[in-house]
């Protein structure tokens, strides 16, 4: 399982933008990354969050 660190830039009048800034397989490391990004940010219109990502299931046989 992967954890993606997402950077959200908030704009007035248009939709927000989202960027993947980092990834890890360890939830504790992901929490530490988000805390670190939040400590060093200087722009109040930027938010950091964690998204759990699981790879899609690939079916190898047809299900009837």
C-alpha atoms as a PDB file:
ATOM      1  CA  UNK A   1       0.000   0.000   0.000  1.00  0.00           C
ATOM      2  CA  UNK A   2       1.247   3.458  -0.886  1.00  0.00           C
ATOM      3  CA  UNK A   3       0.664   6.754   0.866  1.00  0.00           C
ATOM      4  CA  UNK A   4       0.793   9.837  -1.338  1.00  0.00           C
ATOM      5  CA  UNK A   5       1.635  13.278   0.051  1.00  0.00           C
ATOM      6  CA  UNK A   6      -0.602  15.770  -1.751  1.00  0.00           C
ATOM      7  CA  UNK A   7       0.055  19.512  -1.996  1.00  0.00           C
ATOM      8  CA  UNK A   8      -3.114  21.539  -2.552  1.00  0.00           C
ATOM      9  CA  UNK A   9      -2.830  25.131  -3.774  1.00  0.00           C
ATOM     10  CA  UNK A  10      -5.963  27.172  -3.031  1.00  0.00           C
ATOM     11  CA  UNK A  11      -6.961  29.863  -5.513  1.00  0.00           C
ATOM     12  CA  UNK A  12      -9.723  32.478  -5.440  1.00  0.00           C
ATOM     13  CA  UNK A  13     -12.123  32.295  -8.362  1.00  0.00           C
ATOM     14  CA  UNK A  14     -10.725  29.130  -9.978  1.00  0.00           C
ATOM     15  CA  UNK A  15     -10.412  25.483  -8.982  1.00  0.00           C
ATOM     16  CA  UNK A  16      -7.626  24.419  -6.643  1.00  0.00           C
ATOM     17  CA  UNK A  17      -4.624  22.546  -8.003  1.00  0.00           C
ATOM     18  CA  UNK A  18      -3.202  19.317  -6.587  1.00  0.00           C
ATOM     19  CA  UNK A  19       0.310  17.882  -6.866  1.00  0.00           C
ATOM     20  CA  UNK A  20       1.863  14.658  -5.584  1.00  0.00           C
ATOM     21  CA  UNK A  21       5.021  15.813  -3.807  1.00  0.00           C
ATOM     22  CA  UNK A  22       6.144  12.538  -2.230  1.00  0.00           C
ATOM     23  CA  UNK A  23       5.188   8.919  -1.541  1.00  0.00           C
ATOM     24  CA  UNK A  24       5.997   6.170   0.952  1.00  0.00           C
ATOM     25  CA  UNK A  25       4.770   2.770   2.106  1.00  0.00           C
ATOM     26  CA  UNK A  26       5.095   3.627   5.826  1.00  0.00           C
ATOM     27  CA  UNK A  27       2.194   5.549   7.425  1.00  0.00           C
ATOM     28  CA  UNK A  28       4.408   6.902  10.228  1.00  0.00           C
ATOM     29  CA  UNK A  29       6.890   8.267   7.702  1.00  0.00           C
ATOM     30  CA  UNK A  30       3.988   9.803   5.731  1.00  0.00           C
ATOM     31  CA  UNK A  31       2.730  11.564   8.870  1.00  0.00           C
ATOM     32  CA  UNK A  32       6.230  12.869   9.576  1.00  0.00           C
ATOM     33  CA  UNK A  33       6.527  14.136   6.000  1.00  0.00           C
ATOM     34  CA  UNK A  34       3.239  16.042   6.220  1.00  0.00           C
ATOM     35  CA  UNK A  35       4.265  17.571   9.561  1.00  0.00           C
ATOM     36  CA  UNK A  36       7.600  18.622   8.051  1.00  0.00           C
ATOM     37  CA  UNK A  37       6.007  20.159   4.964  1.00  0.00           C
ATOM     38  CA  UNK A  38       3.549  22.052   7.175  1.00  0.00           C
ATOM     39  CA  UNK A  39       6.390  23.373   9.370  1.00  0.00           C
ATOM     40  CA  UNK A  40       8.389  24.813   6.482  1.00  0.00           C
ATOM     41  CA  UNK A  41       5.536  26.224   4.386  1.00  0.00           C
ATOM     42  CA  UNK A  42       5.284  30.003   4.221  1.00  0.00           C
ATOM     43  CA  UNK A  43       2.162  30.316   2.060  1.00  0.00           C
ATOM     44  CA  UNK A  44      -1.215  30.041   3.842  1.00  0.00           C
ATOM     45  CA  UNK A  45      -2.910  29.023   0.581  1.00  0.00           C
ATOM     46  CA  UNK A  46      -1.069  25.684   0.511  1.00  0.00           C
ATOM     47  CA  UNK A  47      -2.288  22.568   2.326  1.00  0.00           C
ATOM     48  CA  UNK A  48      -0.609  19.164   2.626  1.00  0.00           C
ATOM     49  CA  UNK A  49      -2.468  15.908   3.150  1.00  0.00           C
ATOM     50  CA  UNK A  50      -2.064  12.125   2.956  1.00  0.00           C
ATOM     51  CA  UNK A  51      -3.983   9.925   0.529  1.00  0.00           C
ATOM     52  CA  UNK A  52      -3.911   6.135   0.827  1.00  0.00           C
ATOM     53  CA  UNK A  53      -3.402   4.569  -2.603  1.00  0.00           C
ATOM     54  CA  UNK A  54      -3.964   0.923  -3.417  1.00  0.00           C
ATOM     55  CA  UNK A  55      -3.126  -0.424  -6.837  1.00  0.00           C
ATOM     56  CA  UNK A  56      -6.143  -1.451  -8.867  1.00  0.00           C
ATOM     57  CA  UNK A  57      -7.214  -5.074  -8.885  1.00  0.00           C
ATOM     58  CA  UNK A  58      -6.419  -6.759 -12.209  1.00  0.00           C
ATOM     59  CA  UNK A  59      -8.713  -9.632 -13.073  1.00  0.00           C
ATOM     60  CA  UNK A  60      -7.044 -12.535 -14.832  1.00  0.00           C
ATOM     61  CA  UNK A  61     -10.195 -14.581 -15.436  1.00  0.00           C
ATOM     62  CA  UNK A  62     -13.653 -13.615 -16.572  1.00  0.00           C
ATOM     63  CA  UNK A  63     -16.201 -13.648 -13.770  1.00  0.00           C
ATOM     64  CA  UNK A  64     -19.607 -15.023 -14.813  1.00  0.00           C
END
